Amino acid sequence: RLRALPVDARRLDSQAAALAIDLAECDRLLGAPSERTSTTAHDVDAAAQAPTDPDAFGWGVAYVIEGSQLGGQVLHRRLAKSLAPHPLAYLHGAGRDTGARWKGFLAELQQQLATPDRVQAACDGAVQAFGLLLACHRAAGPNP
């Protein structure tokens, strides 16, 4: 669903592949396809306007996705044994390279967002990405 936002698709491809692995494993373990939400970007805020700086806005969306990979490492360490054999591919992120990847991302982010207007556009992108993720979570119901 985040692909509906103006973000460089290359930033989402590896995360989307990891999520697909996890969803397929959930389907296999449950013995049936799990329900998928149909939430779209329009469900988050129908009044949202197109960003004035789509590139900077996309950096904000990417910040949310990349940051989730870093936080996922903590969850992976805590859940990997108890949820085995589920691969937890998304939470695994880039494995031991996740921290270095995050540092590299932050360095590139700082170079790309050199003006207050671009920083604000990136913040708007991050807020919209978080809003979309929350809407998807709510749409999934109490036991997603």
N, C-alpha and C. Protein backbone atom coordinates (compact mmCIF):
# COMPACT_ATOMS: atom_id res chain seq x y z
N ARG A 1 0.81 -1.21 0.00
CA ARG A 1 0.00 0.00 0.00
C ARG A 1 0.85 1.26 0.00
N LEU A 2 2.07 1.16 0.54
CA LEU A 2 2.94 2.32 0.56
C LEU A 2 3.39 2.70 -0.84
N ARG A 3 3.28 1.77 -1.79
CA ARG A 3 3.67 2.08 -3.16
C ARG A 3 2.79 3.17 -3.77
N ALA A 4 1.63 3.42 -3.17
CA ALA A 4 0.75 4.48 -3.66
C ALA A 4 1.31 5.87 -3.34
N LEU A 5 2.25 5.93 -2.40
CA LEU A 5 2.87 7.20 -2.05
C LEU A 5 4.07 7.45 -2.95
N PRO A 6 4.44 8.71 -3.15
CA PRO A 6 5.57 9.00 -4.04
C PRO A 6 6.91 8.66 -3.39
N VAL A 7 7.33 7.42 -3.54
CA VAL A 7 8.61 6.98 -2.99
C VAL A 7 9.32 6.15 -4.06
N ASP A 8 10.62 6.21 -4.05
CA ASP A 8 11.43 5.42 -4.97
C ASP A 8 11.14 3.94 -4.73
N ALA A 9 10.55 3.27 -5.70
CA ALA A 9 10.13 1.88 -5.55
C ALA A 9 11.28 0.96 -5.16
N ARG A 10 12.49 1.30 -5.56
CA ARG A 10 13.64 0.47 -5.19
C ARG A 10 13.80 0.37 -3.68
N ARG A 11 13.39 1.41 -2.96
CA ARG A 11 13.49 1.40 -1.51
C ARG A 11 12.50 0.43 -0.88
N LEU A 12 11.43 0.11 -1.61
CA LEU A 12 10.41 -0.77 -1.05
C LEU A 12 10.53 -2.21 -1.51
N ASP A 13 11.28 -2.47 -2.58
CA ASP A 13 11.30 -3.81 -3.16
C ASP A 13 11.80 -4.89 -2.21
N SER A 14 12.92 -4.66 -1.53
CA SER A 14 13.43 -5.71 -0.64
C SER A 14 12.50 -5.92 0.54
N GLN A 15 11.92 -4.85 1.06
CA GLN A 15 10.99 -4.99 2.17
C GLN A 15 9.72 -5.72 1.72
N ALA A 16 9.24 -5.40 0.51
CA ALA A 16 8.04 -6.07 -0.01
C ALA A 16 8.30 -7.56 -0.20
N ALA A 17 9.47 -7.91 -0.67
CA ALA A 17 9.81 -9.33 -0.86
C ALA A 17 9.85 -10.05 0.49
N ALA A 18 10.41 -9.41 1.51
CA ALA A 18 10.47 -10.03 2.83
C ALA A 18 9.07 -10.21 3.42
N LEU A 19 8.22 -9.22 3.22
CA LEU A 19 6.84 -9.34 3.71
C LEU A 19 6.11 -10.47 2.98
N ALA A 20 6.35 -10.60 1.67
CA ALA A 20 5.70 -11.67 0.90
C ALA A 20 6.10 -13.04 1.44
N ILE A 21 7.37 -13.19 1.81
CA ILE A 21 7.84 -14.46 2.40
C ILE A 21 7.10 -14.73 3.70
N ASP A 22 7.01 -13.71 4.55
CA ASP A 22 6.35 -13.90 5.84
C ASP A 22 4.86 -14.21 5.67
N LEU A 23 4.19 -13.50 4.76
CA LEU A 23 2.77 -13.75 4.54
C LEU A 23 2.53 -15.15 3.98
N ALA A 24 3.38 -15.59 3.06
CA ALA A 24 3.24 -16.94 2.51
C ALA A 24 3.43 -17.98 3.60
N GLU A 25 4.37 -17.75 4.50
CA GLU A 25 4.60 -18.69 5.60
C GLU A 25 3.41 -18.70 6.55
N CYS A 26 2.83 -17.54 6.82
CA CYS A 26 1.62 -17.49 7.66
C CYS A 26 0.49 -18.28 7.00
N ASP A 27 0.32 -18.09 5.70
CA ASP A 27 -0.71 -18.84 4.97
C ASP A 27 -0.47 -20.33 5.09
N ARG A 28 0.78 -20.75 4.94
CA ARG A 28 1.11 -22.16 5.01
C ARG A 28 0.82 -22.72 6.41
N LEU A 29 1.23 -21.99 7.44
CA LEU A 29 1.03 -22.45 8.81
C LEU A 29 -0.45 -22.47 9.20
N LEU A 30 -1.20 -21.50 8.68
CA LEU A 30 -2.63 -21.44 9.00
C LEU A 30 -3.45 -22.39 8.12
N GLY A 31 -2.86 -22.84 7.02
CA GLY A 31 -3.56 -23.75 6.13
C GLY A 31 -4.54 -23.06 5.21
N ALA A 32 -4.54 -21.75 5.19
CA ALA A 32 -5.46 -21.00 4.32
C ALA A 32 -4.89 -19.61 4.11
N PRO A 33 -5.26 -19.01 2.99
CA PRO A 33 -4.80 -17.64 2.77
C PRO A 33 -5.29 -16.71 3.87
N SER A 34 -4.37 -15.90 4.40
CA SER A 34 -4.77 -14.94 5.43
C SER A 34 -5.47 -13.77 4.76
N GLU A 35 -6.32 -13.10 5.53
CA GLU A 35 -7.05 -11.96 4.98
C GLU A 35 -6.07 -10.82 4.73
N ARG A 36 -6.27 -10.14 3.64
CA ARG A 36 -5.46 -8.97 3.30
C ARG A 36 -6.35 -7.74 3.38
N THR A 37 -5.79 -6.67 3.82
CA THR A 37 -6.55 -5.44 3.90
C THR A 37 -6.57 -4.72 2.56
N SER A 38 -7.62 -4.00 2.32
CA SER A 38 -7.72 -3.26 1.06
C SER A 38 -7.50 -1.77 1.30
N THR A 39 -6.93 -1.42 2.43
CA THR A 39 -6.67 -0.02 2.74
C THR A 39 -5.75 0.59 1.70
N THR A 40 -6.08 1.80 1.27
CA THR A 40 -5.25 2.51 0.31
C THR A 40 -4.80 3.82 0.91
N ALA A 41 -3.95 4.50 0.20
CA ALA A 41 -3.48 5.81 0.67
C ALA A 41 -4.65 6.77 0.85
N HIS A 42 -5.71 6.61 0.05
CA HIS A 42 -6.86 7.51 0.15
C HIS A 42 -7.62 7.31 1.46
N ASP A 43 -7.52 6.12 2.06
CA ASP A 43 -8.20 5.85 3.31
C ASP A 43 -7.56 6.60 4.47
N VAL A 44 -6.32 7.00 4.33
CA VAL A 44 -5.61 7.65 5.42
C VAL A 44 -6.11 9.07 5.61
N ASP A 45 -6.16 9.82 4.55
CA ASP A 45 -6.61 11.21 4.64
C ASP A 45 -7.09 11.64 3.27
N ALA A 46 -8.39 11.62 3.09
CA ALA A 46 -8.95 11.94 1.79
C ALA A 46 -8.63 13.38 1.39
N ALA A 47 -8.33 14.23 2.38
CA ALA A 47 -8.05 15.64 2.08
C ALA A 47 -6.58 15.88 1.76
N ALA A 48 -5.75 14.84 1.86
CA ALA A 48 -4.32 15.02 1.61
C ALA A 48 -4.08 15.46 0.17
N GLN A 49 -3.25 16.45 0.01
CA GLN A 49 -2.91 16.94 -1.31
C GLN A 49 -1.61 16.31 -1.78
N ALA A 50 -1.42 16.34 -3.08
CA ALA A 50 -0.16 15.84 -3.63
C ALA A 50 0.98 16.68 -3.05
N PRO A 51 2.07 16.04 -2.69
CA PRO A 51 3.19 16.80 -2.11
C PRO A 51 3.79 17.77 -3.12
N THR A 52 4.25 18.90 -2.61
CA THR A 52 4.88 19.88 -3.49
C THR A 52 6.28 19.44 -3.89
N ASP A 53 6.90 18.58 -3.08
CA ASP A 53 8.22 18.05 -3.37
C ASP A 53 8.18 16.53 -3.21
N PRO A 54 7.71 15.82 -4.24
CA PRO A 54 7.55 14.36 -4.12
C PRO A 54 8.84 13.62 -3.75
N ASP A 55 9.98 14.11 -4.21
CA ASP A 55 11.24 13.45 -3.89
C ASP A 55 11.51 13.51 -2.39
N ALA A 56 11.41 14.70 -1.79
CA ALA A 56 11.64 14.85 -0.35
C ALA A 56 10.58 14.09 0.44
N PHE A 57 9.33 14.14 -0.02
CA PHE A 57 8.25 13.41 0.62
C PHE A 57 8.58 11.92 0.64
N GLY A 58 9.09 11.42 -0.49
CA GLY A 58 9.48 10.01 -0.58
C GLY A 58 10.58 9.65 0.38
N TRP A 59 11.49 10.58 0.65
CA TRP A 59 12.54 10.33 1.64
C TRP A 59 11.92 10.13 3.03
N GLY A 60 10.85 10.86 3.32
CA GLY A 60 10.15 10.68 4.60
C GLY A 60 9.51 9.31 4.70
N VAL A 61 8.89 8.86 3.62
CA VAL A 61 8.31 7.52 3.58
C VAL A 61 9.41 6.48 3.77
N ALA A 62 10.51 6.67 3.06
CA ALA A 62 11.64 5.74 3.17
C ALA A 62 12.20 5.71 4.60
N TYR A 63 12.18 6.84 5.28
CA TYR A 63 12.65 6.90 6.67
C TYR A 63 11.84 5.95 7.54
N VAL A 64 10.53 5.94 7.34
CA VAL A 64 9.66 5.05 8.11
C VAL A 64 9.99 3.59 7.83
N ILE A 65 10.14 3.26 6.55
CA ILE A 65 10.40 1.87 6.15
C ILE A 65 11.79 1.42 6.64
N GLU A 66 12.78 2.24 6.40
CA GLU A 66 14.14 1.88 6.83
C GLU A 66 14.23 1.79 8.34
N GLY A 67 13.57 2.70 9.04
CA GLY A 67 13.57 2.67 10.50
C GLY A 67 12.89 1.43 11.05
N SER A 68 11.86 0.97 10.35
CA SER A 68 11.17 -0.23 10.81
C SER A 68 12.09 -1.45 10.72
N GLN A 69 13.00 -1.43 9.78
CA GLN A 69 13.95 -2.53 9.67
C GLN A 69 14.89 -2.55 10.87
N LEU A 70 15.30 -1.39 11.32
CA LEU A 70 16.17 -1.31 12.49
C LEU A 70 15.43 -1.80 13.74
N GLY A 71 14.21 -1.33 13.93
CA GLY A 71 13.41 -1.80 15.05
C GLY A 71 13.07 -3.27 14.93
N GLY A 72 12.93 -3.74 13.71
CA GLY A 72 12.64 -5.15 13.47
C GLY A 72 13.72 -6.07 13.99
N GLN A 73 14.95 -5.59 13.99
CA GLN A 73 16.06 -6.40 14.50
C GLN A 73 15.84 -6.75 15.98
N VAL A 74 15.35 -5.81 16.75
CA VAL A 74 15.08 -6.05 18.17
C VAL A 74 14.00 -7.12 18.30
N LEU A 75 12.92 -6.96 17.53
CA LEU A 75 11.84 -7.95 17.56
C LEU A 75 12.32 -9.32 17.09
N HIS A 76 13.16 -9.33 16.06
CA HIS A 76 13.66 -10.60 15.54
C HIS A 76 14.43 -11.35 16.62
N ARG A 77 15.31 -10.65 17.33
CA ARG A 77 16.09 -11.30 18.39
C ARG A 77 15.17 -11.88 19.47
N ARG A 78 14.09 -11.17 19.78
CA ARG A 78 13.19 -11.63 20.84
C ARG A 78 12.25 -12.74 20.39
N LEU A 79 11.88 -12.77 19.11
CA LEU A 79 10.84 -13.68 18.65
C LEU A 79 11.31 -14.86 17.82
N ALA A 80 12.52 -14.82 17.31
CA ALA A 80 12.98 -15.84 16.35
C ALA A 80 12.85 -17.26 16.90
N LYS A 81 13.26 -17.49 18.13
CA LYS A 81 13.19 -18.85 18.69
C LYS A 81 11.75 -19.28 18.94
N SER A 82 10.97 -18.40 19.55
CA SER A 82 9.60 -18.80 19.91
C SER A 82 8.68 -18.92 18.70
N LEU A 83 8.98 -18.25 17.61
CA LEU A 83 8.14 -18.33 16.41
C LEU A 83 8.72 -19.22 15.33
N ALA A 84 9.82 -19.91 15.63
CA ALA A 84 10.41 -20.83 14.66
C ALA A 84 9.37 -21.89 14.31
N PRO A 85 9.26 -22.32 13.09
CA PRO A 85 10.18 -22.14 11.98
C PRO A 85 9.87 -20.93 11.10
N HIS A 86 8.93 -20.07 11.52
CA HIS A 86 8.59 -18.89 10.71
C HIS A 86 9.87 -18.09 10.48
N PRO A 87 10.16 -17.71 9.22
CA PRO A 87 11.44 -17.05 8.93
C PRO A 87 11.56 -15.62 9.44
N LEU A 88 10.44 -14.94 9.69
CA LEU A 88 10.47 -13.53 10.12
C LEU A 88 11.38 -12.71 9.21
N ALA A 89 11.23 -12.92 7.91
CA ALA A 89 12.12 -12.30 6.93
C ALA A 89 12.12 -10.78 7.02
N TYR A 90 10.94 -10.18 7.21
CA TYR A 90 10.90 -8.72 7.29
C TYR A 90 11.65 -8.23 8.52
N LEU A 91 11.42 -8.89 9.65
CA LEU A 91 12.09 -8.46 10.87
C LEU A 91 13.59 -8.70 10.81
N HIS A 92 14.01 -9.67 10.03
CA HIS A 92 15.43 -9.95 9.89
C HIS A 92 16.15 -8.80 9.19
N GLY A 93 15.43 -8.11 8.31
CA GLY A 93 16.02 -6.98 7.59
C GLY A 93 17.26 -7.38 6.82
N ALA A 94 18.32 -6.64 7.00
CA ALA A 94 19.59 -6.93 6.35
C ALA A 94 20.53 -7.68 7.30
N GLY A 95 19.93 -8.31 8.30
CA GLY A 95 20.74 -9.07 9.26
C GLY A 95 21.73 -8.18 10.00
N ARG A 96 22.94 -8.64 10.08
CA ARG A 96 23.98 -7.89 10.81
C ARG A 96 24.32 -6.56 10.14
N ASP A 97 23.95 -6.43 8.88
CA ASP A 97 24.24 -5.20 8.15
C ASP A 97 23.16 -4.12 8.32
N THR A 98 22.11 -4.43 9.08
CA THR A 98 21.00 -3.49 9.21
C THR A 98 21.45 -2.17 9.84
N GLY A 99 22.25 -2.23 10.88
CA GLY A 99 22.73 -1.00 11.53
C GLY A 99 23.56 -0.15 10.59
N ALA A 100 24.46 -0.78 9.86
CA ALA A 100 25.30 -0.03 8.90
C ALA A 100 24.44 0.54 7.78
N ARG A 101 23.45 -0.23 7.36
CA ARG A 101 22.54 0.26 6.31
C ARG A 101 21.79 1.49 6.81
N TRP A 102 21.33 1.47 8.07
CA TRP A 102 20.62 2.60 8.65
C TRP A 102 21.52 3.83 8.70
N LYS A 103 22.76 3.66 9.12
CA LYS A 103 23.70 4.79 9.18
C LYS A 103 23.94 5.38 7.79
N GLY A 104 24.08 4.51 6.80
CA GLY A 104 24.25 4.98 5.43
C GLY A 104 23.03 5.72 4.93
N PHE A 105 21.86 5.19 5.27
CA PHE A 105 20.61 5.86 4.88
C PHE A 105 20.52 7.24 5.50
N LEU A 106 20.85 7.36 6.79
CA LEU A 106 20.78 8.66 7.45
C LEU A 106 21.75 9.66 6.83
N ALA A 107 22.94 9.21 6.46
CA ALA A 107 23.90 10.10 5.81
C ALA A 107 23.36 10.59 4.48
N GLU A 108 22.77 9.70 3.71
CA GLU A 108 22.19 10.10 2.42
C GLU A 108 20.99 11.01 2.63
N LEU A 109 20.18 10.72 3.63
CA LEU A 109 19.01 11.54 3.96
C LEU A 109 19.43 12.97 4.27
N GLN A 110 20.47 13.13 5.07
CA GLN A 110 20.94 14.47 5.43
C GLN A 110 21.42 15.24 4.21
N GLN A 111 22.05 14.55 3.27
CA GLN A 111 22.50 15.21 2.04
C GLN A 111 21.32 15.64 1.18
N GLN A 112 20.30 14.83 1.14
CA GLN A 112 19.16 15.08 0.26
C GLN A 112 18.20 16.13 0.79
N LEU A 113 18.19 16.33 2.10
CA LEU A 113 17.22 17.25 2.72
C LEU A 113 17.95 18.45 3.30
N ALA A 114 18.50 19.26 2.42
CA ALA A 114 19.37 20.35 2.85
C ALA A 114 18.64 21.66 3.14
N THR A 115 17.35 21.74 2.88
CA THR A 115 16.61 22.98 3.14
C THR A 115 15.44 22.71 4.07
N PRO A 116 14.99 23.73 4.79
CA PRO A 116 13.83 23.54 5.68
C PRO A 116 12.58 23.05 4.94
N ASP A 117 12.36 23.52 3.71
CA ASP A 117 11.19 23.09 2.95
C ASP A 117 11.26 21.59 2.62
N ARG A 118 12.46 21.12 2.28
CA ARG A 118 12.61 19.69 1.98
C ARG A 118 12.48 18.84 3.24
N VAL A 119 12.98 19.35 4.36
CA VAL A 119 12.82 18.64 5.63
C VAL A 119 11.33 18.54 5.96
N GLN A 120 10.59 19.62 5.78
CA GLN A 120 9.16 19.60 6.07
C GLN A 120 8.43 18.63 5.14
N ALA A 121 8.80 18.60 3.87
CA ALA A 121 8.16 17.66 2.93
C ALA A 121 8.45 16.22 3.35
N ALA A 122 9.67 15.95 3.81
CA ALA A 122 10.02 14.61 4.29
C ALA A 122 9.22 14.26 5.54
N CYS A 123 9.06 15.22 6.44
CA CYS A 123 8.25 14.98 7.64
C CYS A 123 6.81 14.66 7.25
N ASP A 124 6.29 15.38 6.26
CA ASP A 124 4.93 15.10 5.77
C ASP A 124 4.83 13.68 5.22
N GLY A 125 5.86 13.25 4.51
CA GLY A 125 5.88 11.89 3.98
C GLY A 125 5.91 10.85 5.08
N ALA A 126 6.71 11.10 6.11
CA ALA A 126 6.78 10.15 7.23
C ALA A 126 5.44 10.07 7.96
N VAL A 127 4.82 11.22 8.17
CA VAL A 127 3.52 11.23 8.85
C VAL A 127 2.48 10.46 8.03
N GLN A 128 2.48 10.68 6.72
CA GLN A 128 1.51 9.98 5.89
C GLN A 128 1.79 8.47 5.86
N ALA A 129 3.05 8.08 5.82
CA ALA A 129 3.39 6.66 5.84
C ALA A 129 2.94 6.01 7.15
N PHE A 130 3.22 6.66 8.27
CA PHE A 130 2.77 6.13 9.56
C PHE A 130 1.25 6.05 9.59
N GLY A 131 0.58 7.06 9.07
CA GLY A 131 -0.88 7.06 9.03
C GLY A 131 -1.43 5.90 8.22
N LEU A 132 -0.80 5.62 7.10
CA LEU A 132 -1.23 4.51 6.25
C LEU A 132 -1.02 3.18 6.97
N LEU A 133 0.11 3.01 7.61
CA LEU A 133 0.37 1.78 8.35
C LEU A 133 -0.62 1.59 9.49
N LEU A 134 -0.94 2.66 10.20
CA LEU A 134 -1.93 2.57 11.27
C LEU A 134 -3.31 2.22 10.71
N ALA A 135 -3.67 2.81 9.59
CA ALA A 135 -4.97 2.50 8.97
C ALA A 135 -5.03 1.04 8.55
N CYS A 136 -3.95 0.52 8.00
CA CYS A 136 -3.91 -0.90 7.62
C CYS A 136 -4.05 -1.78 8.86
N HIS A 137 -3.37 -1.41 9.92
CA HIS A 137 -3.44 -2.19 11.16
C HIS A 137 -4.87 -2.19 11.70
N ARG A 138 -5.51 -1.03 11.73
CA ARG A 138 -6.89 -0.94 12.22
C ARG A 138 -7.83 -1.75 11.34
N ALA A 139 -7.61 -1.71 10.03
CA ALA A 139 -8.49 -2.44 9.11
C ALA A 139 -8.34 -3.94 9.26
N ALA A 140 -7.19 -4.39 9.75
CA ALA A 140 -6.96 -5.82 9.92
C ALA A 140 -7.74 -6.38 11.09
N GLY A 141 -8.26 -5.54 11.95
CA GLY A 141 -9.06 -6.00 13.08
C GLY A 141 -8.24 -6.23 14.32
N PRO A 142 -8.89 -6.72 15.37
CA PRO A 142 -8.21 -6.85 16.66
C PRO A 142 -7.15 -7.94 16.71
N ASN A 143 -7.21 -8.93 15.84
CA ASN A 143 -6.23 -10.02 15.84
C ASN A 143 -5.64 -10.22 14.46
N PRO A 144 -4.85 -9.24 13.96
CA PRO A 144 -4.32 -9.37 12.60
C PRO A 144 -3.33 -10.53 12.49
